C-alpha atoms as a PDB file:
ATOM      1  CA  MET A   1      -7.524  10.593  19.678  1.00  0.00           C
ATOM      2  CA  GLU A   2      -6.913  11.389  15.981  1.00  0.00           C
ATOM      3  CA  GLN A   3      -4.428   9.730  13.319  1.00  0.00           C
ATOM      4  CA  ARG A   4      -4.256  11.114  10.038  1.00  0.00           C
ATOM      5  CA  GLU A   5      -3.417   8.554   7.459  1.00  0.00           C
ATOM      6  CA  HIS A   6      -2.059   9.047   4.471  1.00  0.00           C
ATOM      7  CA  GLY A   7      -0.309   7.295   1.015  1.00  0.00           C
ATOM      8  CA  ILE A   8       3.003   7.910  -1.294  1.00  0.00           C
ATOM      9  CA  VAL A   9       3.833   6.502  -4.131  1.00  0.00           C
ATOM     10  CA  VAL A  10       7.482   5.711  -3.882  1.00  0.00           C
ATOM     11  CA  ASP A  11      10.242   3.822  -5.949  1.00  0.00           C
ATOM     12  CA  GLY A  12       8.897   1.243  -8.175  1.00  0.00           C
ATOM     13  CA  GLY A  13       5.132   2.798  -8.083  1.00  0.00           C
ATOM     14  CA  ARG A  14       4.799   1.171  -4.667  1.00  0.00           C
ATOM     15  CA  THR A  15       2.607   2.525  -2.610  1.00  0.00           C
ATOM     16  CA  LEU A  16       3.176   3.461   0.919  1.00  0.00           C
ATOM     17  CA  HIS A  17       0.566   4.109   4.127  1.00  0.00           C
ATOM     18  CA  PHE A  18       1.392   5.999   7.210  1.00  0.00           C
ATOM     19  CA  ARG A  19      -0.213   7.744   9.960  1.00  0.00           C
ATOM     20  CA  GLU A  20       0.268  11.003  11.672  1.00  0.00           C
ATOM     21  CA  SER A  21      -0.557  11.549  15.034  1.00  0.00           C
ATOM     22  CA  GLY A  22       0.459  13.570  18.004  1.00  0.00           C
ATOM     23  CA  ASP A  23       0.993  17.501  18.332  1.00  0.00           C
ATOM     24  CA  LEU A  24       1.014  17.302  14.549  1.00  0.00           C
ATOM     25  CA  ASP A  25       2.986  20.694  14.877  1.00  0.00           C
ATOM     26  CA  GLY A  26       6.054  19.048  16.537  1.00  0.00           C
ATOM     27  CA  PRO A  27       9.081  16.891  15.813  1.00  0.00           C
ATOM     28  CA  LEU A  28       9.222  13.865  13.887  1.00  0.00           C
ATOM     29  CA  VAL A  29       9.356  10.865  15.601  1.00  0.00           C
ATOM     30  CA  PHE A  30       8.529   7.510  13.144  1.00  0.00           C
ATOM     31  CA  VAL A  31       7.731   4.198  15.041  1.00  0.00           C
ATOM     32  CA  HIS A  32       8.128   1.283  14.225  1.00  0.00           C
ATOM     33  CA  HIS A  33       5.043  -1.205  14.486  1.00  0.00           C
ATOM     34  CA  GLY A  34       5.847  -4.922  15.626  1.00  0.00           C
ATOM     35  CA  SER A  35       5.124  -8.332  13.677  1.00  0.00           C
ATOM     36  CA  PRO A  36       2.581  -8.950  12.385  1.00  0.00           C
ATOM     37  CA  GLY A  37       0.700  -5.159  12.528  1.00  0.00           C
ATOM     38  CA  ALA A  38       0.433  -1.878  11.189  1.00  0.00           C
ATOM     39  CA  GLY A  39       0.990   1.695  12.162  1.00  0.00           C
ATOM     40  CA  LEU A  40      -1.917   2.182  14.168  1.00  0.00           C
ATOM     41  CA  GLN A  41      -0.832   3.745  17.649  1.00  0.00           C
ATOM     42  CA  GLN A  42      -2.638   2.809  21.156  1.00  0.00           C
ATOM     43  CA  PRO A  43      -4.734   5.921  22.362  1.00  0.00           C
ATOM     44  CA  LYS A  44      -2.420   6.529  25.130  1.00  0.00           C
ATOM     45  CA  VAL A  45       1.349   6.564  23.067  1.00  0.00           C
ATOM     46  CA  VAL A  46      -0.933   9.340  20.729  1.00  0.00           C
ATOM     47  CA  ARG A  47      -1.254  11.390  24.160  1.00  0.00           C
ATOM     48  CA  ASP A  48       1.697  11.096  25.644  1.00  0.00           C
ATOM     49  CA  ALA A  49       2.977  12.019  22.507  1.00  0.00           C
ATOM     50  CA  ALA A  50       0.962  15.279  22.073  1.00  0.00           C
ATOM     51  CA  GLY A  51       1.776  15.955  25.673  1.00  0.00           C
ATOM     52  CA  ARG A  52       5.722  15.783  24.655  1.00  0.00           C
ATOM     53  CA  GLY A  53       5.141  18.269  21.754  1.00  0.00           C
ATOM     54  CA  LEU A  54       6.193  15.378  19.413  1.00  0.00           C
ATOM     55  CA  ARG A  55       4.897  14.158  15.949  1.00  0.00           C
ATOM     56  CA  LEU A  56       4.138  10.814  15.417  1.00  0.00           C
ATOM     57  CA  ILE A  57       5.082   8.980  11.944  1.00  0.00           C
ATOM     58  CA  ALA A  58       4.316   5.034  12.168  1.00  0.00           C
ATOM     59  CA  HIS A  59       4.126   3.603   8.796  1.00  0.00           C
ATOM     60  CA  ASP A  60       2.661   0.099   7.561  1.00  0.00           C
ATOM     61  CA  ARG A  61       6.232  -1.640   6.214  1.00  0.00           C
ATOM     62  CA  PRO A  62       5.408  -3.287   2.490  1.00  0.00           C
ATOM     63  CA  GLY A  63       2.808  -5.897   2.783  1.00  0.00           C
ATOM     64  CA  TYR A  64       1.322  -5.400   5.912  1.00  0.00           C
ATOM     65  CA  GLY A  65      -2.594  -2.737   5.794  1.00  0.00           C
ATOM     66  CA  GLY A  66      -1.975   0.001   2.785  1.00  0.00           C
ATOM     67  CA  SER A  67       1.331  -0.573   1.639  1.00  0.00           C
ATOM     68  CA  THR A  68       2.566  -2.825  -1.624  1.00  0.00           C
ATOM     69  CA  ARG A  69       4.205  -6.048  -1.256  1.00  0.00           C
ATOM     70  CA  LEU A  70       7.979  -6.197  -1.827  1.00  0.00           C
ATOM     71  CA  PRO A  71       8.699 -10.008  -2.084  1.00  0.00           C
ATOM     72  CA  GLY A  72      12.119 -10.277  -1.198  1.00  0.00           C
ATOM     73  CA  ARG A  73      12.604  -6.984   1.382  1.00  0.00           C
ATOM     74  CA  ARG A  74      15.037  -6.828   3.796  1.00  0.00           C
ATOM     75  CA  VAL A  75      15.203  -5.366   7.138  1.00  0.00           C
ATOM     76  CA  ASP A  76      17.280  -2.292   5.162  1.00  0.00           C
ATOM     77  CA  HIS A  77      15.100  -1.704   3.225  1.00  0.00           C
ATOM     78  CA  VAL A  78      13.413   0.455   5.772  1.00  0.00           C
ATOM     79  CA  ALA A  79      15.429   3.152   5.913  1.00  0.00           C
ATOM     80  CA  ALA A  80      14.691   4.311   2.293  1.00  0.00           C
ATOM     81  CA  ASP A  81      10.912   4.497   3.017  1.00  0.00           C
ATOM     82  CA  VAL A  82      11.562   6.013   5.800  1.00  0.00           C
ATOM     83  CA  ALA A  83      13.530   8.524   3.901  1.00  0.00           C
ATOM     84  CA  ALA A  84      10.501   8.896   1.163  1.00  0.00           C
ATOM     85  CA  ILE A  85       8.157   9.787   3.865  1.00  0.00           C
ATOM     86  CA  ALA A  86      10.159  12.451   5.644  1.00  0.00           C
ATOM     87  CA  ASP A  87      11.303  14.094   2.037  1.00  0.00           C
ATOM     88  CA  TYR A  88       7.644  14.261   1.427  1.00  0.00           C
ATOM     89  CA  LEU A  89       7.230  15.744   5.312  1.00  0.00           C
ATOM     90  CA  GLY A  90       9.927  18.363   4.830  1.00  0.00           C
ATOM     91  CA  VAL A  91      11.541  16.976   7.270  1.00  0.00           C
ATOM     92  CA  GLN A  92      15.433  17.102   7.737  1.00  0.00           C
ATOM     93  CA  ARG A  93      16.002  15.520  11.228  1.00  0.00           C
ATOM     94  CA  PHE A  94      13.834  12.940  13.111  1.00  0.00           C
ATOM     95  CA  ALA A  95      13.643  10.216  15.959  1.00  0.00           C
ATOM     96  CA  VAL A  96      13.302   6.470  15.149  1.00  0.00           C
ATOM     97  CA  TRP A  97      12.015   4.174  17.907  1.00  0.00           C
ATOM     98  CA  GLY A  98      10.878   1.175  17.230  1.00  0.00           C
ATOM     99  CA  ALA A  99       9.454  -2.144  19.800  1.00  0.00           C
ATOM    100  CA  SER A 100       9.314  -5.955  19.266  1.00  0.00           C
ATOM    101  CA  GLY A 101       9.289  -6.845  15.353  1.00  0.00           C
ATOM    102  CA  GLY A 102       9.905  -3.024  14.620  1.00  0.00           C
ATOM    103  CA  GLY A 103      13.234  -2.829  16.887  1.00  0.00           C
ATOM    104  CA  PRO A 104      15.050  -3.972  13.716  1.00  0.00           C
ATOM    105  CA  HIS A 105      13.651  -1.315  11.309  1.00  0.00           C
ATOM    106  CA  ALA A 106      14.122   1.389  14.137  1.00  0.00           C
ATOM    107  CA  LEU A 107      18.279   0.193  14.580  1.00  0.00           C
ATOM    108  CA  ALA A 108      18.089   0.076  10.096  1.00  0.00           C
ATOM    109  CA  CYS A 109      17.503   3.398  10.070  1.00  0.00           C
ATOM    110  CA  ALA A 110      19.734   4.632  12.882  1.00  0.00           C
ATOM    111  CA  ALA A 111      22.765   2.688  10.564  1.00  0.00           C
ATOM    112  CA  LEU A 112      21.903   3.893   7.598  1.00  0.00           C
ATOM    113  CA  LEU A 113      20.350   7.832   8.111  1.00  0.00           C
ATOM    114  CA  PRO A 114      23.502   8.941  10.361  1.00  0.00           C
ATOM    115  CA  ASP A 115      22.881  12.141   9.160  1.00  0.00           C
ATOM    116  CA  ARG A 116      19.122  12.410   9.557  1.00  0.00           C
ATOM    117  CA  VAL A 117      18.412  10.153  13.037  1.00  0.00           C
ATOM    118  CA  VAL A 118      18.770  11.943  16.067  1.00  0.00           C
ATOM    119  CA  ALA A 119      18.120   9.558  18.753  1.00  0.00           C
ATOM    120  CA  CYS A 120      17.040   5.790  18.146  1.00  0.00           C
ATOM    121  CA  ALA A 121      15.989   3.651  20.627  1.00  0.00           C
ATOM    122  CA  ALA A 122      14.791  -0.902  20.252  1.00  0.00           C
ATOM    123  CA  ILE A 123      12.541  -1.970  22.579  1.00  0.00           C
ATOM    124  CA  ALA A 124      12.129  -5.460  23.160  1.00  0.00           C
ATOM    125  CA  SER A 125      14.442  -5.984  19.759  1.00  0.00           C
ATOM    126  CA  PRO A 126      15.475  -9.369  17.861  1.00  0.00           C
ATOM    127  CA  ALA A 127      19.294  -9.377  17.381  1.00  0.00           C
ATOM    128  CA  PRO A 128      20.302 -10.761  13.994  1.00  0.00           C
ATOM    129  CA  TYR A 129      19.775 -14.853  13.952  1.00  0.00           C
ATOM    130  CA  ALA A 130      22.663 -15.779  12.763  1.00  0.00           C
ATOM    131  CA  ALA A 131      24.610 -13.347  15.668  1.00  0.00           C
ATOM    132  CA  GLU A 132      28.061 -15.119  16.425  1.00  0.00           C
ATOM    133  CA  GLY A 133      27.817 -15.771  20.483  1.00  0.00           C
ATOM    134  CA  LEU A 134      23.591 -15.660  20.981  1.00  0.00           C
ATOM    135  CA  ASP A 135      21.561 -18.279  21.520  1.00  0.00           C
ATOM    136  CA  TRP A 136      18.855 -17.199  19.295  1.00  0.00           C
ATOM    137  CA  THR A 137      16.102 -19.707  20.411  1.00  0.00           C
ATOM    138  CA  ALA A 138      17.142 -20.427  24.180  1.00  0.00           C
ATOM    139  CA  GLY A 139      14.636 -18.725  26.510  1.00  0.00           C
ATOM    140  CA  MET A 140      12.185 -18.268  23.469  1.00  0.00           C
ATOM    141  CA  GLY A 141       8.388 -19.493  24.344  1.00  0.00           C
ATOM    142  CA  GLU A 142       7.162 -22.394  21.543  1.00  0.00           C
ATOM    143  CA  LEU A 143       4.921 -20.461  19.575  1.00  0.00           C
ATOM    144  CA  ASN A 144       8.117 -18.312  18.346  1.00  0.00           C
ATOM    145  CA  VAL A 145      10.185 -21.118  18.074  1.00  0.00           C
ATOM    146  CA  SER A 146       7.936 -23.178  16.007  1.00  0.00           C
ATOM    147  CA  GLU A 147       7.788 -20.441  13.291  1.00  0.00           C
ATOM    148  CA  PHE A 148      11.142 -21.392  12.427  1.00  0.00           C
ATOM    149  CA  ALA A 149      11.030 -24.537  11.554  1.00  0.00           C
ATOM    150  CA  ILE A 150       7.727 -23.957   9.724  1.00  0.00           C
ATOM    151  CA  LEU A 151       9.313 -21.410   7.512  1.00  0.00           C
ATOM    152  CA  ALA A 152      12.221 -23.718   6.894  1.00  0.00           C
ATOM    153  CA  GLN A 153       9.608 -26.112   4.675  1.00  0.00           C
ATOM    154  CA  GLY A 154       8.962 -23.606   2.235  1.00  0.00           C
ATOM    155  CA  PRO A 155       6.839 -20.314   1.463  1.00  0.00           C
ATOM    156  CA  GLU A 156       3.960 -22.436   0.833  1.00  0.00           C
ATOM    157  CA  ALA A 157       4.096 -24.550   4.212  1.00  0.00           C
ATOM    158  CA  HIS A 158       4.941 -20.915   5.571  1.00  0.00           C
ATOM    159  CA  MET A 159       2.055 -18.982   4.846  1.00  0.00           C
ATOM    160  CA  ALA A 160      -0.288 -21.730   5.683  1.00  0.00           C
ATOM    161  CA  PHE A 161       0.766 -22.010   9.187  1.00  0.00           C
ATOM    162  CA  LEU A 162       0.642 -17.872   8.914  1.00  0.00           C
ATOM    163  CA  ARG A 163      -3.051 -18.470   8.196  1.00  0.00           C
ATOM    164  CA  GLY A 164      -3.642 -20.821  10.573  1.00  0.00           C
ATOM    165  CA  GLU A 165      -2.230 -18.460  12.863  1.00  0.00           C
ATOM    166  CA  ALA A 166      -3.843 -15.454  11.651  1.00  0.00           C
ATOM    167  CA  ASN A 167      -7.553 -16.867  11.967  1.00  0.00           C
ATOM    168  CA  GLY A 168      -7.181 -18.223  14.837  1.00  0.00           C
ATOM    169  CA  LEU A 169      -6.012 -14.223  16.696  1.00  0.00           C
ATOM    170  CA  LEU A 170      -8.380 -12.751  14.996  1.00  0.00           C
ATOM    171  CA  SER A 171     -10.916 -14.165  15.842  1.00  0.00           C
ATOM    172  CA  ALA A 172     -10.186 -14.191  19.542  1.00  0.00           C
ATOM    173  CA  GLY A 173     -11.332 -12.107  22.709  1.00  0.00           C
ATOM    174  CA  PRO A 174      -9.537 -10.921  24.586  1.00  0.00           C
ATOM    175  CA  GLY A 175      -9.342 -13.743  27.178  1.00  0.00           C
ATOM    176  CA  GLU A 176      -8.735 -16.733  24.055  1.00  0.00           C
ATOM    177  CA  LEU A 177      -6.127 -13.938  22.888  1.00  0.00           C
ATOM    178  CA  ARG A 178      -4.100 -14.489  26.268  1.00  0.00           C
ATOM    179  CA  ALA A 179      -4.540 -18.424  25.986  1.00  0.00           C
ATOM    180  CA  ALA A 180      -3.347 -18.487  22.294  1.00  0.00           C
ATOM    181  CA  LEU A 181      -0.353 -16.692  23.254  1.00  0.00           C
ATOM    182  CA  SER A 182       0.324 -18.888  26.340  1.00  0.00           C
ATOM    183  CA  THR A 183       4.008 -20.392  25.889  1.00  0.00           C
ATOM    184  CA  VAL A 184       5.412 -15.980  25.161  1.00  0.00           C
ATOM    185  CA  LEU A 185       3.403 -15.054  27.963  1.00  0.00           C
ATOM    186  CA  SER A 186       5.257 -14.185  31.235  1.00  0.00           C
ATOM    187  CA  GLU A 187       3.452 -14.198  34.058  1.00  0.00           C
ATOM    188  CA  VAL A 188       4.176  -9.902  34.175  1.00  0.00           C
ATOM    189  CA  ASP A 189       3.587 -10.323  30.290  1.00  0.00           C
ATOM    190  CA  ARG A 190      -0.035 -11.720  31.148  1.00  0.00           C
ATOM    191  CA  GLU A 191      -1.153  -9.109  33.583  1.00  0.00           C
ATOM    192  CA  ALA A 192      -0.211  -5.988  31.022  1.00  0.00           C
ATOM    193  CA  LEU A 193      -1.994  -7.898  28.058  1.00  0.00           C
ATOM    194  CA  THR A 194      -5.663  -5.986  29.851  1.00  0.00           C
ATOM    195  CA  ASP A 195      -8.614  -6.474  27.713  1.00  0.00           C
ATOM    196  CA  GLU A 196      -8.033  -2.931  26.402  1.00  0.00           C
ATOM    197  CA  LEU A 197      -4.477  -3.304  25.087  1.00  0.00           C
ATOM    198  CA  ALA A 198      -5.923  -6.880  23.549  1.00  0.00           C
ATOM    199  CA  VAL A 199      -8.618  -4.978  21.914  1.00  0.00           C
ATOM    200  CA  HIS A 200      -6.114  -3.388  19.868  1.00  0.00           C
ATOM    201  CA  LEU A 201      -3.816  -5.882  19.181  1.00  0.00           C
ATOM    202  CA  THR A 202      -6.469  -7.649  17.741  1.00  0.00           C
ATOM    203  CA  GLU A 203      -7.258  -4.318  15.536  1.00  0.00           C
ATOM    204  CA  ASN A 204      -3.911  -3.388  14.686  1.00  0.00           C
ATOM    205  CA  LEU A 205      -3.326  -7.036  13.288  1.00  0.00           C
ATOM    206  CA  ARG A 206      -6.448  -7.017  11.132  1.00  0.00           C
ATOM    207  CA  LEU A 207      -5.822  -3.483   9.261  1.00  0.00           C
ATOM    208  CA  GLY A 208      -2.159  -4.944   8.811  1.00  0.00           C
ATOM    209  CA  LEU A 209      -3.176  -8.553   7.296  1.00  0.00           C
ATOM    210  CA  GLU A 210      -5.911  -6.970   4.997  1.00  0.00           C
ATOM    211  CA  GLN A 211      -3.889  -7.946   2.259  1.00  0.00           C
ATOM    212  CA  GLY A 212      -3.269 -11.623   3.482  1.00  0.00           C
ATOM    213  CA  VAL A 213      -0.164 -13.351   5.099  1.00  0.00           C
ATOM    214  CA  GLU A 214       2.457 -12.112   2.481  1.00  0.00           C
ATOM    215  CA  GLY A 215       3.409  -9.460   4.062  1.00  0.00           C
ATOM    216  CA  TRP A 216       4.361 -11.230   7.479  1.00  0.00           C
ATOM    217  CA  HIS A 217       5.751 -14.031   5.476  1.00  0.00           C
ATOM    218  CA  ASP A 218       7.937 -11.783   4.073  1.00  0.00           C
ATOM    219  CA  GLU A 219       9.096  -9.994   7.139  1.00  0.00           C
ATOM    220  CA  SER A 220       9.755 -13.663   8.576  1.00  0.00           C
ATOM    221  CA  VAL A 221      12.411 -14.136   6.275  1.00  0.00           C
ATOM    222  CA  ALA A 222      13.607 -11.054   6.264  1.00  0.00           C
ATOM    223  CA  THR A 223      14.372 -11.457  10.071  1.00  0.00           C
ATOM    224  CA  TYR A 224      16.194 -14.610   9.662  1.00  0.00           C
ATOM    225  CA  GLU A 225      18.364 -13.326   6.819  1.00  0.00           C
ATOM    226  CA  PRO A 226      21.203 -10.920   7.054  1.00  0.00           C
ATOM    227  CA  TRP A 227      19.957  -7.485   7.569  1.00  0.00           C
ATOM    228  CA  GLY A 228      21.988  -5.787   5.323  1.00  0.00           C
ATOM    229  CA  PHE A 229      23.669  -3.406   8.023  1.00  0.00           C
ATOM    230  CA  ASP A 230      25.888  -4.067  11.086  1.00  0.00           C
ATOM    231  CA  PRO A 231      24.417  -2.529  14.332  1.00  0.00           C
ATOM    232  CA  ALA A 232      27.905  -2.224  15.579  1.00  0.00           C
ATOM    233  CA  ALA A 233      27.829   0.683  13.471  1.00  0.00           C
ATOM    234  CA  ILE A 234      25.590   2.231  14.815  1.00  0.00           C
ATOM    235  CA  ASP A 235      26.917   5.978  16.134  1.00  0.00           C
ATOM    236  CA  VAL A 236      23.704   7.893  16.931  1.00  0.00           C
ATOM    237  CA  PRO A 237      22.566   8.308  19.955  1.00  0.00           C
ATOM    238  CA  THR A 238      21.016   4.553  21.116  1.00  0.00           C
ATOM    239  CA  GLN A 239      18.835   3.463  23.622  1.00  0.00           C
ATOM    240  CA  VAL A 240      18.180  -0.563  23.970  1.00  0.00           C
ATOM    241  CA  TRP A 241      15.677  -1.924  26.419  1.00  0.00           C
ATOM    242  CA  HIS A 242      14.709  -5.183  27.023  1.00  0.00           C
ATOM    243  CA  GLY A 243      13.205  -6.794  29.868  1.00  0.00           C
ATOM    244  CA  GLU A 244      14.082 -10.259  31.870  1.00  0.00           C
ATOM    245  CA  GLN A 245      10.973 -12.244  31.939  1.00  0.00           C
ATOM    246  CA  ASP A 246      10.541 -11.611  28.131  1.00  0.00           C
ATOM    247  CA  ARG A 247       9.801 -14.594  26.365  1.00  0.00           C
ATOM    248  CA  PHE A 248       8.856 -13.563  23.296  1.00  0.00           C
ATOM    249  CA  VAL A 249      12.242 -12.006  22.546  1.00  0.00           C
ATOM    250  CA  PRO A 250      14.567 -13.367  25.470  1.00  0.00           C
ATOM    251  CA  ALA A 251      16.859 -10.549  26.987  1.00  0.00           C
ATOM    252  CA  ALA A 252      19.913 -11.834  25.802  1.00  0.00           C
ATOM    253  CA  HIS A 253      19.076 -10.582  22.409  1.00  0.00           C
ATOM    254  CA  GLY A 254      19.084  -7.153  23.997  1.00  0.00           C
ATOM    255  CA  ARG A 255      22.118  -7.616  25.628  1.00  0.00           C
ATOM    256  CA  TRP A 256      24.040  -8.580  22.688  1.00  0.00           C
ATOM    257  CA  LEU A 257      22.822  -5.967  20.951  1.00  0.00           C
ATOM    258  CA  ALA A 258      23.693  -2.999  23.768  1.00  0.00           C
ATOM    259  CA  GLU A 259      26.697  -4.760  23.665  1.00  0.00           C
ATOM    260  CA  ARG A 260      27.180  -4.007  19.809  1.00  0.00           C
ATOM    261  CA  ILE A 261      26.346  -1.221  19.494  1.00  0.00           C
ATOM    262  CA  PRO A 262      28.460   1.712  20.592  1.00  0.00           C
ATOM    263  CA  ALA A 263      26.751   4.684  21.321  1.00  0.00           C
ATOM    264  CA  ALA A 264      23.993   2.879  23.299  1.00  0.00           C
ATOM    265  CA  ASP A 265      22.700   2.704  26.664  1.00  0.00           C
ATOM    266  CA  ALA A 266      21.391  -0.109  27.896  1.00  0.00           C
ATOM    267  CA  HIS A 267      17.892  -0.536  30.209  1.00  0.00           C
ATOM    268  CA  ILE A 268      17.750  -4.549  30.975  1.00  0.00           C
ATOM    269  CA  SER A 269      14.999  -4.830  33.452  1.00  0.00           C
ATOM    270  CA  ALA A 270      14.410  -7.615  36.170  1.00  0.00           C
ATOM    271  CA  GLU A 271      10.882  -6.293  36.325  1.00  0.00           C
ATOM    272  CA  HIS A 272       9.087  -6.447  33.042  1.00  0.00           C
ATOM    273  CA  GLY A 273       9.197  -9.046  30.328  1.00  0.00           C
ATOM    274  CA  HIS A 274       7.879  -8.175  26.895  1.00  0.00           C
ATOM    275  CA  VAL A 275       4.198  -6.333  26.851  1.00  0.00           C
ATOM    276  CA  SER A 276       4.994  -4.765  30.034  1.00  0.00           C
ATOM    277  CA  LEU A 277       8.021  -3.445  28.959  1.00  0.00           C
ATOM    278  CA  ILE A 278       6.536  -1.864  25.706  1.00  0.00           C
ATOM    279  CA  SER A 279       4.197  -0.311  28.215  1.00  0.00           C
ATOM    280  CA  MET A 280       6.682   1.379  30.084  1.00  0.00           C
ATOM    281  CA  SER A 281       9.044   1.870  28.160  1.00  0.00           C
ATOM    282  CA  VAL A 282       7.295   4.084  25.696  1.00  0.00           C
ATOM    283  CA  PRO A 283       7.082   7.419  27.314  1.00  0.00           C
ATOM    284  CA  ARG A 284      10.147   7.538  29.104  1.00  0.00           C
ATOM    285  CA  VAL A 285      11.988   7.179  25.312  1.00  0.00           C
ATOM    286  CA  HIS A 286       9.523  10.217  24.175  1.00  0.00           C
ATOM    287  CA  ALA A 287      10.841  11.867  26.849  1.00  0.00           C
ATOM    288  CA  TRP A 288      14.552  11.117  25.783  1.00  0.00           C
ATOM    289  CA  MET A 289      13.848  12.156  21.872  1.00  0.00           C
ATOM    290  CA  ALA A 290      12.065  15.086  23.054  1.00  0.00           C
ATOM    291  CA  GLU A 291      14.945  16.541  24.708  1.00  0.00           C
ATOM    292  CA  LEU A 292      17.529  15.656  21.582  1.00  0.00           C
ATOM    293  CA  LEU A 293      14.574  17.377  19.052  1.00  0.00           C
ATOM    294  CA  ALA A 294      14.133  20.039  21.317  1.00  0.00           C
END
């Protein structure tokens, strides 16, 4: 289905690129992509939104896709970009959801734009790195754990690592992609990572890394630094989704967020991992948001 592309200029002369899809006359739902990546949506996600009368807006975060890099950005910076897009579109009220690395960015909007965000969903989202009482890497696959050790060696070492990762992932077919992600794929996620989804993820990654890996580096740093807001300050209706078989972002992260966010409605699934949970939960999130935006 069609995804219209737009570019606007925001503070400091930066370009912010976003895609619009679903029901273009419907209420707005901002979708925050995973890390690394871009705002290209799966056709089935677009069809689901269109069927529920929702208009999806997905922007490339700074340094990804068509959006200008912003070195030193924190997670909380996303709220200003989302507000700028909503203002450009002339929309005051909207919902937000984010999956995986997009989860913290959806939560930032809920915390910092409480007069505009009607509902928020964080799907398979990490918790803050310094989260009190959370062993952040416990249960996490080796691929994700190893990145943090390399990041500690400095920006150049980290970006060299990311370039190697990008080259391998971008040249991988579906089977090779599953092999490359083997340490973070539980069995249920291996089954959920179909050839069709693998092709979409590779295309999304290609778009996201068109400028290089610098935006990916910036986001990794932002993930481990303070986010710039307290999840406990979120008071808009919020759903937290997580799978017990998640090896990308272990379920303890979802439980930590659900326990700290006063308005959280937790959906912790024993049957799902990371990839499978996202595929299952998005239609249910859309249905919930459609009711609140009606």
